[in-house]
Each structure stands twice: as C-alpha cells, then as structure tokens.
Amino acid sequence: AVTPERLFVVRAPDPQALDHDGDGIGCEPIT
C-alpha cells in the first residue's frame, strides 16, 4: 500500500489513484 492510512479524504489531483472509485475516500477496504 502507498500509505497505512485508510478511509481518508482524497483531494484532486489524485496522481496515485488512491481514490479508485471516485467518491473522494481513499484506500477503502476492497470487498
């Protein structure tokens, strides 16, 4: 993982694509 943080707010730009589903929350657990 890029960061150990989870469920943080991702602000544009997002060059590392931390917010993979575009809802503004980064590193959501993948279910």
PDB file of N, CA and C in Angstrom:
ATOM      1  N   ALA A   1       0.847  -1.195   0.000  1.00  0.00           N
ATOM      2  CA  ALA A   1       0.000   0.000   0.000  1.00  0.00           C
ATOM      3  C   ALA A   1       0.882   1.243   0.000  1.00  0.00           C
ATOM      4  N   VAL A   2       0.351   2.294  -0.583  1.00  0.00           N
ATOM      5  CA  VAL A   2       1.083   3.551  -0.624  1.00  0.00           C
ATOM      6  C   VAL A   2       1.192   4.146   0.770  1.00  0.00           C
ATOM      7  N   THR A   3       0.141   3.984   1.566  1.00  0.00           N
ATOM      8  CA  THR A   3       0.083   4.544   2.906  1.00  0.00           C
ATOM      9  C   THR A   3      -0.695   3.603   3.812  1.00  0.00           C
ATOM     10  N   PRO A   4      -0.355   3.567   5.106  1.00  0.00           N
ATOM     11  CA  PRO A   4      -1.130   2.741   6.034  1.00  0.00           C
ATOM     12  C   PRO A   4      -2.482   3.348   6.369  1.00  0.00           C
ATOM     13  N   GLU A   5      -2.674   4.624   6.011  1.00  0.00           N
ATOM     14  CA  GLU A   5      -3.950   5.279   6.303  1.00  0.00           C
ATOM     15  C   GLU A   5      -5.073   4.633   5.507  1.00  0.00           C
ATOM     16  N   ARG A   6      -6.279   4.681   6.076  1.00  0.00           N
ATOM     17  CA  ARG A   6      -7.453   4.146   5.406  1.00  0.00           C
ATOM     18  C   ARG A   6      -8.597   5.145   5.531  1.00  0.00           C
ATOM     19  N   LEU A   7      -9.441   5.155   4.523  1.00  0.00           N
ATOM     20  CA  LEU A   7     -10.672   5.952   4.555  1.00  0.00           C
ATOM     21  C   LEU A   7     -10.405   7.438   4.783  1.00  0.00           C
ATOM     22  N   PHE A   8      -9.363   7.955   4.137  1.00  0.00           N
ATOM     23  CA  PHE A   8      -9.086   9.378   4.230  1.00  0.00           C
ATOM     24  C   PHE A   8      -9.661  10.096   3.021  1.00  0.00           C
ATOM     25  N   VAL A   9      -9.824  11.418   3.159  1.00  0.00           N
ATOM     26  CA  VAL A   9     -10.366  12.209   2.057  1.00  0.00           C
ATOM     27  C   VAL A   9      -9.289  12.414   1.003  1.00  0.00           C
ATOM     28  N   VAL A  10      -9.625  12.124  -0.241  1.00  0.00           N
ATOM     29  CA  VAL A  10      -8.710  12.334  -1.360  1.00  0.00           C
ATOM     30  C   VAL A  10      -9.138  13.597  -2.099  1.00  0.00           C
ATOM     31  N   ARG A  11      -8.193  14.530  -2.231  1.00  0.00           N
ATOM     32  CA  ARG A  11      -8.474  15.762  -2.962  1.00  0.00           C
ATOM     33  C   ARG A  11      -7.762  15.714  -4.308  1.00  0.00           C
ATOM     34  N   ALA A  12      -8.440  16.195  -5.330  1.00  0.00           N
ATOM     35  CA  ALA A  12      -7.836  16.255  -6.657  1.00  0.00           C
ATOM     36  C   ALA A  12      -6.664  17.241  -6.647  1.00  0.00           C
ATOM     37  N   PRO A  13      -5.632  17.025  -7.461  1.00  0.00           N
ATOM     38  CA  PRO A  13      -5.469  15.834  -8.299  1.00  0.00           C
ATOM     39  C   PRO A  13      -5.074  14.610  -7.479  1.00  0.00           C
ATOM     40  N   ASP A  14      -5.312  13.447  -8.047  1.00  0.00           N
ATOM     41  CA  ASP A  14      -5.048  12.179  -7.359  1.00  0.00           C
ATOM     42  C   ASP A  14      -4.106  11.340  -8.228  1.00  0.00           C
ATOM     43  N   PRO A  15      -2.827  11.758  -8.341  1.00  0.00           N
ATOM     44  CA  PRO A  15      -1.916  11.103  -9.293  1.00  0.00           C
ATOM     45  C   PRO A  15      -1.637   9.643  -8.972  1.00  0.00           C
ATOM     46  N   GLN A  16      -1.806   9.245  -7.711  1.00  0.00           N
ATOM     47  CA  GLN A  16      -1.557   7.850  -7.356  1.00  0.00           C
ATOM     48  C   GLN A  16      -2.832   7.017  -7.384  1.00  0.00           C
ATOM     49  N   ALA A  17      -3.941   7.641  -7.804  1.00  0.00           N
ATOM     50  CA  ALA A  17      -5.222   6.939  -7.915  1.00  0.00           C
ATOM     51  C   ALA A  17      -5.608   6.265  -6.605  1.00  0.00           C
ATOM     52  N   LEU A  18      -5.428   6.996  -5.499  1.00  0.00           N
ATOM     53  CA  LEU A  18      -5.783   6.428  -4.198  1.00  0.00           C
ATOM     54  C   LEU A  18      -7.289   6.244  -4.084  1.00  0.00           C
ATOM     55  N   ASP A  19      -8.029   7.128  -4.760  1.00  0.00           N
ATOM     56  CA  ASP A  19      -9.488   7.046  -4.728  1.00  0.00           C
ATOM     57  C   ASP A  19      -9.944   6.308  -5.977  1.00  0.00           C
ATOM     58  N   HIS A  20      -9.937   4.980  -5.896  1.00  0.00           N
ATOM     59  CA  HIS A  20     -10.131   4.162  -7.095  1.00  0.00           C
ATOM     60  C   HIS A  20     -11.544   4.225  -7.630  1.00  0.00           C
ATOM     61  N   ASP A  21     -12.533   4.561  -6.789  1.00  0.00           N
ATOM     62  CA  ASP A  21     -13.912   4.598  -7.286  1.00  0.00           C
ATOM     63  C   ASP A  21     -14.475   6.013  -7.383  1.00  0.00           C
ATOM     64  N   GLY A  22     -13.621   7.014  -7.147  1.00  0.00           N
ATOM     65  CA  GLY A  22     -14.008   8.384  -7.438  1.00  0.00           C
ATOM     66  C   GLY A  22     -14.986   9.014  -6.461  1.00  0.00           C
ATOM     67  N   ASP A  23     -15.134   8.437  -5.262  1.00  0.00           N
ATOM     68  CA  ASP A  23     -16.104   9.002  -4.316  1.00  0.00           C
ATOM     69  C   ASP A  23     -15.462   9.931  -3.288  1.00  0.00           C
ATOM     70  N   GLY A  24     -14.163  10.179  -3.421  1.00  0.00           N
ATOM     71  CA  GLY A  24     -13.488  11.115  -2.535  1.00  0.00           C
ATOM     72  C   GLY A  24     -12.877  10.480  -1.297  1.00  0.00           C
ATOM     73  N   ILE A  25     -13.031   9.166  -1.141  1.00  0.00           N
ATOM     74  CA  ILE A  25     -12.459   8.459   0.000  1.00  0.00           C
ATOM     75  C   ILE A  25     -11.362   7.528  -0.506  1.00  0.00           C
ATOM     76  N   GLY A  26     -10.177   7.633   0.090  1.00  0.00           N
ATOM     77  CA  GLY A  26      -9.032   6.869  -0.383  1.00  0.00           C
ATOM     78  C   GLY A  26      -8.782   5.604   0.416  1.00  0.00           C
ATOM     79  N   CYS A  27      -8.165   4.629  -0.240  1.00  0.00           N
ATOM     80  CA  CYS A  27      -7.739   3.367   0.370  1.00  0.00           C
ATOM     81  C   CYS A  27      -8.886   2.671   1.094  1.00  0.00           C
ATOM     82  N   GLU A  28     -10.048   2.653   0.458  1.00  0.00           N
ATOM     83  CA  GLU A  28     -11.153   1.901   1.039  1.00  0.00           C
ATOM     84  C   GLU A  28     -10.824   0.410   1.002  1.00  0.00           C
ATOM     85  N   PRO A  29     -11.200  -0.327   2.043  1.00  0.00           N
ATOM     86  CA  PRO A  29     -11.005  -1.779   2.006  1.00  0.00           C
ATOM     87  C   PRO A  29     -11.753  -2.369   0.815  1.00  0.00           C
ATOM     88  N   ILE A  30     -11.062  -3.202   0.056  1.00  0.00           N
ATOM     89  CA  ILE A  30     -11.683  -3.804  -1.127  1.00  0.00           C
ATOM     90  C   ILE A  30     -12.457  -5.033  -0.689  1.00  0.00           C
ATOM     91  N   THR A  31     -13.741  -5.042  -0.981  1.00  0.00           N
ATOM     92  CA  THR A  31     -14.570  -6.164  -0.541  1.00  0.00           C
ATOM     93  C   THR A  31     -15.042  -6.972  -1.728  1.00  0.00           C
TER      94      THR A  31
END
